[in-house]
C-alpha atoms as a PDB file:
ATOM      1  CA  MET A   1       8.293   9.580 -28.575  1.00  0.00           C
ATOM      2  CA  THR A   2      10.263   9.034 -25.361  1.00  0.00           C
ATOM      3  CA  ILE A   3       8.564   6.725 -22.869  1.00  0.00           C
ATOM      4  CA  SER A   4       8.570   8.174 -19.356  1.00  0.00           C
ATOM      5  CA  LEU A   5       8.171   6.765 -15.862  1.00  0.00           C
ATOM      6  CA  CYS A   6       4.695   8.289 -15.737  1.00  0.00           C
ATOM      7  CA  ASP A   7       3.795   6.612 -19.033  1.00  0.00           C
ATOM      8  CA  TRP A   8       4.751   3.302 -17.464  1.00  0.00           C
ATOM      9  CA  ALA A   9       2.722   4.152 -14.365  1.00  0.00           C
ATOM     10  CA  VAL A  10      -0.406   4.733 -16.457  1.00  0.00           C
ATOM     11  CA  GLU A  11       0.272   1.571 -18.464  1.00  0.00           C
ATOM     12  CA  ILE A  12       0.486  -0.493 -15.269  1.00  0.00           C
ATOM     13  CA  LEU A  13      -2.579   1.152 -13.754  1.00  0.00           C
ATOM     14  CA  SER A  14      -4.433   0.337 -16.992  1.00  0.00           C
ATOM     15  CA  THR A  15      -3.378  -3.333 -16.913  1.00  0.00           C
ATOM     16  CA  ALA A  16      -6.064  -5.632 -15.512  1.00  0.00           C
ATOM     17  CA  ALA A  17      -4.280  -8.992 -15.230  1.00  0.00           C
ATOM     18  CA  PRO A  18      -2.345  -9.149 -11.937  1.00  0.00           C
ATOM     19  CA  SER A  19       0.492 -11.228 -13.413  1.00  0.00           C
ATOM     20  CA  ASP A  20       0.971  -8.673 -16.191  1.00  0.00           C
ATOM     21  CA  LYS A  21       0.843  -5.826 -13.660  1.00  0.00           C
ATOM     22  CA  VAL A  22       3.640  -7.531 -11.698  1.00  0.00           C
ATOM     23  CA  ALA A  23       5.725  -8.179 -14.835  1.00  0.00           C
ATOM     24  CA  LYS A  24       5.378  -4.608 -16.125  1.00  0.00           C
ATOM     25  CA  THR A  25       6.314  -3.257 -12.712  1.00  0.00           C
ATOM     26  CA  GLY A  26       9.598  -5.128 -12.920  1.00  0.00           C
ATOM     27  CA  ILE A  27      10.312  -3.874 -16.449  1.00  0.00           C
ATOM     28  CA  ALA A  28       9.511  -0.254 -15.601  1.00  0.00           C
ATOM     29  CA  ALA A  29      11.554  -0.335 -12.398  1.00  0.00           C
ATOM     30  CA  ALA A  30      14.580  -1.771 -14.185  1.00  0.00           C
ATOM     31  CA  ALA A  31      14.425   0.942 -16.848  1.00  0.00           C
ATOM     32  CA  TRP A  32      14.054   3.674 -14.220  1.00  0.00           C
ATOM     33  CA  ARG A  33      16.925   2.381 -12.119  1.00  0.00           C
ATOM     34  CA  ALA A  34      19.102   2.194 -15.224  1.00  0.00           C
ATOM     35  CA  GLY A  35      18.482   5.885 -15.885  1.00  0.00           C
ATOM     36  CA  ALA A  36      16.638   5.164 -19.114  1.00  0.00           C
ATOM     37  CA  LEU A  37      13.433   7.031 -18.256  1.00  0.00           C
ATOM     38  CA  PRO A  38      12.563  10.667 -17.601  1.00  0.00           C
ATOM     39  CA  VAL A  39       9.868  11.313 -15.008  1.00  0.00           C
ATOM     40  CA  GLY A  40       7.554  12.828 -17.620  1.00  0.00           C
ATOM     41  CA  SER A  41       3.888  13.505 -16.964  1.00  0.00           C
ATOM     42  CA  ALA A  42       0.666  11.653 -17.634  1.00  0.00           C
ATOM     43  CA  VAL A  43      -2.915  11.543 -16.428  1.00  0.00           C
ATOM     44  CA  PRO A  44      -3.573   8.406 -14.390  1.00  0.00           C
ATOM     45  CA  PRO A  45      -6.978   6.736 -14.624  1.00  0.00           C
ATOM     46  CA  GLN A  46      -9.507   7.497 -11.897  1.00  0.00           C
ATOM     47  CA  GLN A  47      -9.494   3.797 -11.011  1.00  0.00           C
ATOM     48  CA  PRO A  48      -7.029   1.059 -11.935  1.00  0.00           C
ATOM     49  CA  ALA A  49      -8.015  -1.705 -14.302  1.00  0.00           C
ATOM     50  CA  ARG A  50      -9.112  -4.853 -12.527  1.00  0.00           C
ATOM     51  CA  PRO A  51      -9.767  -8.438 -13.652  1.00  0.00           C
ATOM     52  CA  ALA A  52     -13.368  -9.684 -13.828  1.00  0.00           C
ATOM     53  CA  LYS A  53     -12.841 -11.424 -10.495  1.00  0.00           C
ATOM     54  CA  PRO A  54     -12.787 -10.874  -7.575  1.00  0.00           C
ATOM     55  CA  GLU A  55     -16.165  -9.300  -7.072  1.00  0.00           C
ATOM     56  CA  LEU A  56     -15.817  -6.118  -5.008  1.00  0.00           C
ATOM     57  CA  CYS A  57     -18.254  -5.864  -2.126  1.00  0.00           C
ATOM     58  CA  ASP A  58     -18.920  -4.044   1.131  1.00  0.00           C
ATOM     59  CA  PRO A  59     -16.225  -4.809   3.751  1.00  0.00           C
ATOM     60  CA  ARG A  60     -18.959  -5.998   6.128  1.00  0.00           C
ATOM     61  CA  ASN A  61     -19.828  -8.810   3.715  1.00  0.00           C
ATOM     62  CA  MET A  62     -16.312 -10.184   3.358  1.00  0.00           C
ATOM     63  CA  PRO A  63     -15.605 -13.891   4.072  1.00  0.00           C
ATOM     64  CA  LYS A  64     -14.436 -14.557   7.613  1.00  0.00           C
ATOM     65  CA  ARG A  65     -10.654 -14.710   7.920  1.00  0.00           C
ATOM     66  CA  SER A  66      -8.699 -16.750  10.428  1.00  0.00           C
ATOM     67  CA  ALA A  67      -5.370 -18.510  10.826  1.00  0.00           C
ATOM     68  CA  GLY A  68      -7.097 -21.885  10.968  1.00  0.00           C
ATOM     69  CA  PRO A  69      -7.496 -24.171   7.939  1.00  0.00           C
ATOM     70  CA  LYS A  70     -11.033 -23.018   7.053  1.00  0.00           C
ATOM     71  CA  GLY A  71     -10.226 -19.326   7.120  1.00  0.00           C
ATOM     72  CA  ARG A  72      -6.700 -19.448   5.767  1.00  0.00           C
ATOM     73  CA  VAL A  73      -7.576 -19.112   2.087  1.00  0.00           C
ATOM     74  CA  ALA A  74      -9.791 -16.119   2.936  1.00  0.00           C
ATOM     75  CA  LEU A  75      -6.941 -14.584   4.944  1.00  0.00           C
ATOM     76  CA  VAL A  76      -4.324 -15.031   2.210  1.00  0.00           C
ATOM     77  CA  HIS A  77      -6.765 -13.897  -0.478  1.00  0.00           C
ATOM     78  CA  ALA A  78      -7.611 -10.729   1.456  1.00  0.00           C
ATOM     79  CA  ILE A  79      -3.955  -9.821   1.968  1.00  0.00           C
ATOM     80  CA  ALA A  80      -3.176 -10.585  -1.698  1.00  0.00           C
ATOM     81  CA  HIS A  81      -5.907  -8.133  -2.683  1.00  0.00           C
ATOM     82  CA  ILE A  82      -4.412  -5.470  -0.418  1.00  0.00           C
ATOM     83  CA  GLU A  83      -0.964  -6.008  -1.938  1.00  0.00           C
ATOM     84  CA  LEU A  84      -2.330  -5.855  -5.489  1.00  0.00           C
ATOM     85  CA  SER A  85      -4.033  -2.580  -4.608  1.00  0.00           C
ATOM     86  CA  ALA A  86      -0.761  -1.354  -3.116  1.00  0.00           C
ATOM     87  CA  ILE A  87       1.014  -1.867  -6.457  1.00  0.00           C
ATOM     88  CA  ASP A  88      -1.497   0.474  -8.072  1.00  0.00           C
ATOM     89  CA  LEU A  89      -1.292   2.964  -5.211  1.00  0.00           C
ATOM     90  CA  ALA A  90       2.487   3.202  -5.631  1.00  0.00           C
ATOM     91  CA  TRP A  91       2.212   3.847  -9.363  1.00  0.00           C
ATOM     92  CA  ASP A  92      -0.645   6.301  -8.861  1.00  0.00           C
ATOM     93  CA  ILE A  93       1.330   8.387  -6.366  1.00  0.00           C
ATOM     94  CA  ILE A  94       4.128   8.522  -8.941  1.00  0.00           C
ATOM     95  CA  ALA A  95       1.980   9.730 -11.839  1.00  0.00           C
ATOM     96  CA  ARG A  96      -0.636  11.846 -10.089  1.00  0.00           C
ATOM     97  CA  PHE A  97       1.501  14.450  -8.338  1.00  0.00           C
ATOM     98  CA  THR A  98       4.225  15.441 -10.799  1.00  0.00           C
ATOM     99  CA  ALA A  99       3.117  19.083 -10.565  1.00  0.00           C
ATOM    100  CA  ALA A 100       4.430  19.115  -6.992  1.00  0.00           C
ATOM    101  CA  ASP A 101       8.029  19.517  -8.292  1.00  0.00           C
ATOM    102  CA  LEU A 102       9.487  16.578  -6.402  1.00  0.00           C
ATOM    103  CA  PRO A 103      13.134  15.416  -6.416  1.00  0.00           C
ATOM    104  CA  ARG A 104      14.268  12.201  -8.052  1.00  0.00           C
ATOM    105  CA  GLY A 105      14.528  10.536  -4.649  1.00  0.00           C
ATOM    106  CA  TYR A 106      10.748  10.680  -4.346  1.00  0.00           C
ATOM    107  CA  TYR A 107      10.380   8.630  -7.513  1.00  0.00           C
ATOM    108  CA  ASP A 108      13.187   6.269  -6.492  1.00  0.00           C
ATOM    109  CA  ASP A 109      11.354   5.545  -3.257  1.00  0.00           C
ATOM    110  CA  TRP A 110       7.965   4.876  -4.791  1.00  0.00           C
ATOM    111  CA  VAL A 111       9.387   2.721  -7.582  1.00  0.00           C
ATOM    112  CA  ASP A 112      11.028   0.615  -4.858  1.00  0.00           C
ATOM    113  CA  VAL A 113       7.701   0.413  -3.031  1.00  0.00           C
ATOM    114  CA  ALA A 114       5.905  -0.685  -6.224  1.00  0.00           C
ATOM    115  CA  VAL A 115       8.452  -3.454  -6.791  1.00  0.00           C
ATOM    116  CA  GLU A 116       8.184  -4.747  -3.236  1.00  0.00           C
ATOM    117  CA  GLU A 117       4.391  -4.668  -3.313  1.00  0.00           C
ATOM    118  CA  SER A 118       4.486  -6.663  -6.554  1.00  0.00           C
ATOM    119  CA  GLN A 119       6.752  -9.220  -4.903  1.00  0.00           C
ATOM    120  CA  HIS A 120       4.341  -9.487  -1.983  1.00  0.00           C
ATOM    121  CA  TYR A 121       1.395 -10.063  -4.300  1.00  0.00           C
ATOM    122  CA  ALA A 122       3.282 -12.689  -6.317  1.00  0.00           C
ATOM    123  CA  ALA A 123       4.283 -14.593  -3.169  1.00  0.00           C
ATOM    124  CA  LEU A 124       0.719 -14.576  -1.849  1.00  0.00           C
ATOM    125  CA  ALA A 125      -0.741 -15.619  -5.218  1.00  0.00           C
ATOM    126  CA  ALA A 126       1.687 -18.550  -5.274  1.00  0.00           C
ATOM    127  CA  ARG A 127       0.678 -19.449  -1.718  1.00  0.00           C
ATOM    128  CA  LEU A 128      -2.975 -19.440  -2.755  1.00  0.00           C
ATOM    129  CA  THR A 129      -2.106 -21.947  -5.471  1.00  0.00           C
ATOM    130  CA  GLU A 130      -0.439 -24.160  -2.866  1.00  0.00           C
ATOM    131  CA  LEU A 131      -3.639 -23.953  -0.815  1.00  0.00           C
ATOM    132  CA  GLY A 132      -5.737 -25.067  -3.804  1.00  0.00           C
ATOM    133  CA  ALA A 133      -7.144 -21.631  -4.582  1.00  0.00           C
ATOM    134  CA  ALA A 134      -6.470 -18.585  -6.754  1.00  0.00           C
ATOM    135  CA  TYR A 135      -6.785 -14.825  -6.554  1.00  0.00           C
ATOM    136  CA  GLY A 136     -10.328 -13.969  -7.609  1.00  0.00           C
ATOM    137  CA  ASP A 137     -11.949 -17.016  -6.023  1.00  0.00           C
ATOM    138  CA  LEU A 138     -13.379 -14.906  -3.182  1.00  0.00           C
ATOM    139  CA  PRO A 139     -14.862 -11.411  -3.050  1.00  0.00           C
ATOM    140  CA  ALA A 140     -12.718  -8.447  -2.025  1.00  0.00           C
ATOM    141  CA  HIS A 141     -13.291  -4.835  -1.048  1.00  0.00           C
ATOM    142  CA  ALA A 142     -12.024  -1.530  -2.434  1.00  0.00           C
ATOM    143  CA  GLY A 143     -11.376   0.347   0.801  1.00  0.00           C
ATOM    144  CA  LEU A 144      -7.832   1.359  -0.091  1.00  0.00           C
ATOM    145  CA  TRP A 145      -8.822   2.754  -3.458  1.00  0.00           C
ATOM    146  CA  ASP A 146     -11.813   4.576  -2.005  1.00  0.00           C
ATOM    147  CA  ALA A 147      -9.369   6.441   0.268  1.00  0.00           C
ATOM    148  CA  ALA A 148      -7.098   7.092  -2.706  1.00  0.00           C
ATOM    149  CA  GLU A 149      -9.943   8.750  -4.596  1.00  0.00           C
ATOM    150  CA  ARG A 150     -10.756  10.962  -1.604  1.00  0.00           C
ATOM    151  CA  SER A 151      -7.128  12.113  -1.463  1.00  0.00           C
ATOM    152  CA  ALA A 152      -6.454  12.501  -5.183  1.00  0.00           C
ATOM    153  CA  ARG A 153      -6.147  16.298  -5.225  1.00  0.00           C
ATOM    154  CA  ASP A 154      -3.389  16.804  -2.665  1.00  0.00           C
ATOM    155  CA  LEU A 155      -0.160  14.877  -2.097  1.00  0.00           C
ATOM    156  CA  ALA A 156       0.051  15.547   1.647  1.00  0.00           C
ATOM    157  CA  THR A 157      -3.498  14.257   2.043  1.00  0.00           C
ATOM    158  CA  ARG A 158      -2.683  11.148  -0.010  1.00  0.00           C
ATOM    159  CA  LEU A 159       0.383  10.438   2.129  1.00  0.00           C
ATOM    160  CA  VAL A 160      -1.640  10.753   5.318  1.00  0.00           C
ATOM    161  CA  ALA A 161      -4.572   8.696   4.039  1.00  0.00           C
ATOM    162  CA  ILE A 162      -2.664   5.766   2.556  1.00  0.00           C
ATOM    163  CA  PRO A 163       0.866   5.073   3.887  1.00  0.00           C
ATOM    164  CA  LEU A 164       0.544   6.916   7.208  1.00  0.00           C
ATOM    165  CA  THR A 165      -2.883   5.518   8.064  1.00  0.00           C
ATOM    166  CA  LEU A 166      -4.358   2.602   6.143  1.00  0.00           C
ATOM    167  CA  GLU A 167      -1.118   0.844   5.234  1.00  0.00           C
ATOM    168  CA  ALA A 168       0.372   1.552   8.648  1.00  0.00           C
ATOM    169  CA  ARG A 169      -2.445  -0.473  10.194  1.00  0.00           C
ATOM    170  CA  GLY A 170      -0.747  -3.563   8.819  1.00  0.00           C
ATOM    171  CA  LEU A 171       2.125  -2.984  11.224  1.00  0.00           C
ATOM    172  CA  ASP A 172      -0.346  -3.132  14.098  1.00  0.00           C
ATOM    173  CA  THR A 173      -1.950  -6.420  13.039  1.00  0.00           C
ATOM    174  CA  THR A 174       0.571  -8.507  11.074  1.00  0.00           C
ATOM    175  CA  PRO A 175       2.750  -9.753  13.985  1.00  0.00           C
ATOM    176  CA  GLN A 176      -0.287 -11.272  15.727  1.00  0.00           C
ATOM    177  CA  ILE A 177      -1.463 -12.913  12.502  1.00  0.00           C
ATOM    178  CA  SER A 178       1.988 -14.404  11.919  1.00  0.00           C
ATOM    179  CA  THR A 179       2.043 -15.779  15.442  1.00  0.00           C
ATOM    180  CA  ARG A 180      -1.371 -17.421  15.040  1.00  0.00           C
ATOM    181  CA  LEU A 181      -0.327 -18.918  11.700  1.00  0.00           C
ATOM    182  CA  ARG A 182       2.775 -20.451  13.242  1.00  0.00           C
ATOM    183  CA  LEU A 183       0.775 -21.836  16.169  1.00  0.00           C
ATOM    184  CA  SER A 184      -1.522 -23.492  13.631  1.00  0.00           C
ATOM    185  CA  GLY A 185       1.464 -24.951  11.752  1.00  0.00           C
ATOM    186  CA  ASP A 186       1.442 -22.674   8.701  1.00  0.00           C
ATOM    187  CA  GLU A 187       5.067 -21.578   8.597  1.00  0.00           C
ATOM    188  CA  ALA A 188       4.923 -20.915   4.841  1.00  0.00           C
ATOM    189  CA  THR A 189       2.288 -18.177   5.072  1.00  0.00           C
ATOM    190  CA  ALA A 190       3.824 -16.741   8.231  1.00  0.00           C
ATOM    191  CA  ALA A 191       7.190 -16.404   6.471  1.00  0.00           C
ATOM    192  CA  ILE A 192       5.591 -14.401   3.659  1.00  0.00           C
ATOM    193  CA  LEU A 193       3.960 -12.103   6.196  1.00  0.00           C
ATOM    194  CA  ASP A 194       7.318 -11.616   7.915  1.00  0.00           C
ATOM    195  CA  VAL A 195       8.761 -10.259   4.646  1.00  0.00           C
ATOM    196  CA  ILE A 196       5.729  -8.023   4.114  1.00  0.00           C
ATOM    197  CA  TYR A 197       5.985  -6.700   7.677  1.00  0.00           C
ATOM    198  CA  ALA A 198       9.668  -5.764   7.299  1.00  0.00           C
ATOM    199  CA  ASP A 199       9.023  -4.068   3.957  1.00  0.00           C
ATOM    200  CA  GLU A 200       5.982  -2.186   5.253  1.00  0.00           C
ATOM    201  CA  ILE A 201       8.110  -0.551   7.946  1.00  0.00           C
ATOM    202  CA  LYS A 202      10.218   0.806   5.089  1.00  0.00           C
ATOM    203  CA  HIS A 203       7.105   1.878   3.181  1.00  0.00           C
ATOM    204  CA  LEU A 204       5.728   3.772   6.164  1.00  0.00           C
ATOM    205  CA  ALA A 205       9.136   5.452   6.475  1.00  0.00           C
ATOM    206  CA  VAL A 206       8.847   6.545   2.833  1.00  0.00           C
ATOM    207  CA  GLY A 207       5.440   8.041   3.528  1.00  0.00           C
ATOM    208  CA  VAL A 208       6.649   9.872   6.628  1.00  0.00           C
ATOM    209  CA  ARG A 209       9.769  11.140   4.850  1.00  0.00           C
ATOM    210  CA  TRP A 210       7.872  12.735   1.975  1.00  0.00           C
ATOM    211  CA  PHE A 211       5.061  14.040   4.177  1.00  0.00           C
ATOM    212  CA  GLU A 212       7.593  15.798   6.382  1.00  0.00           C
ATOM    213  CA  PHE A 213       9.458  17.012   3.276  1.00  0.00           C
ATOM    214  CA  LEU A 214       6.270  18.678   2.021  1.00  0.00           C
ATOM    215  CA  CYS A 215       5.539  20.178   5.437  1.00  0.00           C
ATOM    216  CA  ALA A 216       9.076  21.607   5.686  1.00  0.00           C
ATOM    217  CA  ARG A 217       8.891  23.072   2.185  1.00  0.00           C
ATOM    218  CA  GLU A 218       5.520  24.661   2.929  1.00  0.00           C
ATOM    219  CA  LYS A 219       6.567  25.727   6.455  1.00  0.00           C
ATOM    220  CA  ARG A 220       3.820  23.677   8.092  1.00  0.00           C
ATOM    221  CA  ALA A 221       4.152  21.759  11.376  1.00  0.00           C
ATOM    222  CA  PRO A 222       3.986  18.028  10.492  1.00  0.00           C
ATOM    223  CA  ILE A 223       2.086  16.822  13.555  1.00  0.00           C
ATOM    224  CA  ALA A 224      -0.528  19.580  13.435  1.00  0.00           C
ATOM    225  CA  THR A 225      -0.906  19.112   9.676  1.00  0.00           C
ATOM    226  CA  TYR A 226      -1.320  15.347  10.107  1.00  0.00           C
ATOM    227  CA  HIS A 227      -4.028  15.825  12.746  1.00  0.00           C
ATOM    228  CA  ALA A 228      -5.868  18.364  10.586  1.00  0.00           C
ATOM    229  CA  ILE A 229      -5.884  16.032   7.583  1.00  0.00           C
ATOM    230  CA  MET A 230      -6.938  13.106   9.754  1.00  0.00           C
ATOM    231  CA  ALA A 231      -9.892  15.090  11.081  1.00  0.00           C
ATOM    232  CA  GLU A 232     -11.001  15.657   7.495  1.00  0.00           C
ATOM    233  CA  GLN A 233     -10.287  12.211   6.073  1.00  0.00           C
ATOM    234  CA  PHE A 234     -11.013   9.989   9.079  1.00  0.00           C
ATOM    235  CA  PRO A 235     -13.326  11.945  11.397  1.00  0.00           C
ATOM    236  CA  LYS A 236     -13.915   8.869  13.585  1.00  0.00           C
ATOM    237  CA  GLY A 237     -10.176   8.713  14.327  1.00  0.00           C
ATOM    238  CA  LEU A 238      -8.121   5.572  14.879  1.00  0.00           C
ATOM    239  CA  LYS A 239      -8.487   2.624  17.219  1.00  0.00           C
ATOM    240  CA  GLY A 240      -5.502   1.008  18.890  1.00  0.00           C
ATOM    241  CA  PRO A 241      -3.568  -0.864  19.900  1.00  0.00           C
ATOM    242  CA  PHE A 242      -0.687   0.562  17.887  1.00  0.00           C
ATOM    243  CA  ASN A 243       2.640  -1.129  17.191  1.00  0.00           C
ATOM    244  CA  MET A 244       4.695   1.787  18.428  1.00  0.00           C
ATOM    245  CA  PRO A 245       8.138   0.100  18.098  1.00  0.00           C
ATOM    246  CA  ALA A 246       7.538  -0.494  14.368  1.00  0.00           C
ATOM    247  CA  ARG A 247       5.908   2.889  13.801  1.00  0.00           C
ATOM    248  CA  THR A 248       8.711   4.666  15.671  1.00  0.00           C
ATOM    249  CA  GLN A 249      11.296   2.776  13.628  1.00  0.00           C
ATOM    250  CA  ALA A 250       9.589   4.206  10.543  1.00  0.00           C
ATOM    251  CA  GLY A 251       9.694   7.736  11.948  1.00  0.00           C
ATOM    252  CA  MET A 252       6.074   7.921  13.092  1.00  0.00           C
ATOM    253  CA  GLY A 253       6.433   8.472  16.822  1.00  0.00           C
ATOM    254  CA  GLU A 254       3.852   8.888  19.560  1.00  0.00           C
ATOM    255  CA  ASP A 255       3.227  12.573  18.799  1.00  0.00           C
ATOM    256  CA  TYR A 256       1.471  11.557  15.597  1.00  0.00           C
ATOM    257  CA  LEU A 257      -0.874   9.173  17.409  1.00  0.00           C
ATOM    258  CA  LYS A 258      -1.268  10.925  20.763  1.00  0.00           C
ATOM    259  CA  PRO A 259      -4.979  11.756  20.306  1.00  0.00           C
ATOM    260  CA  TRP A 260      -5.801   8.061  19.877  1.00  0.00           C
ATOM    261  CA  ILE A 261      -3.228   6.525  22.245  1.00  0.00           C
ATOM    262  CA  ALA A 262      -4.865   8.397  25.114  1.00  0.00           C
ATOM    263  CA  ALA A 263      -8.393   7.526  24.001  1.00  0.00           C
END
C-alpha cells in the first residue's frame, strides 16, 4: 500500500509524544518535498493524541505569565503549548479538507507551516530545559483545538478561525513580549520569539492566500465572507490593538478588521 501525505498527517496527529511528533513531521515533510508521496485521503482523529501531561484546564485558571524570572517558565511553557497545538493544526488542515479539490501548492504551504511550527516547539522545549523545567510541568489550555473542532466542517471557516484570527493574535502581542524579555535580560527567549514572529507573518499569509483562493473560486467577496464567518464563530468580535504593519504584510489589511479598529 502506498503511504500518502494524509496517512502521515493522521500518524502525526495520533502521536502523543511531542518529540516524536516533531521527528515524524520532519520525515513526512522530506518525503513530500522529494515528490515521494501522493496527497491521498484519510480521516483525521477528532482530537490529536496528547501526552499525559500537561493537564488541560480552563484558560482562566492558567498560571500567571510574565517576562520576569518568576513568570518566565509559565510564559515559555504556554507558548510551547501553542506551538505544539499548531503542529497538529497544520496536519489537520492537510488531512481534513481533501474533498475541497485543492492544488498542490496548498499542501506545500501547510507542510512548510507544520515544519516551522515543529521547529518553534523544539526551540521552546529546549529553552524550558535551560530554565530548569520541561513541557508538561504546568497546566495548559485547549483553546486552539476547541476552535478547530467548531470549524471542522468547512475549510473557509477553519481558515478564518485559526490562522486569520487566533494565530494572527500572536502578531499583535509577540513584539511587546520580546521587548519585555530583553529589558529583563532574557535575550535567549526573545530571540526564539523573533523567529516565531517572522514565521507567523508567513503563516498568516498562507491563511489569507487560501481563504481568498476559496472565495474567488466560489465567487464570494472575501471581506464580507470573513465578517460573516466571524459573526458566527466569534460573536463577541475582536479586541485591539492590532499590529497592522505585520497583518498588512501578510495580506490582511484594514478592511478585514475595520469593524473592530473603529470600536
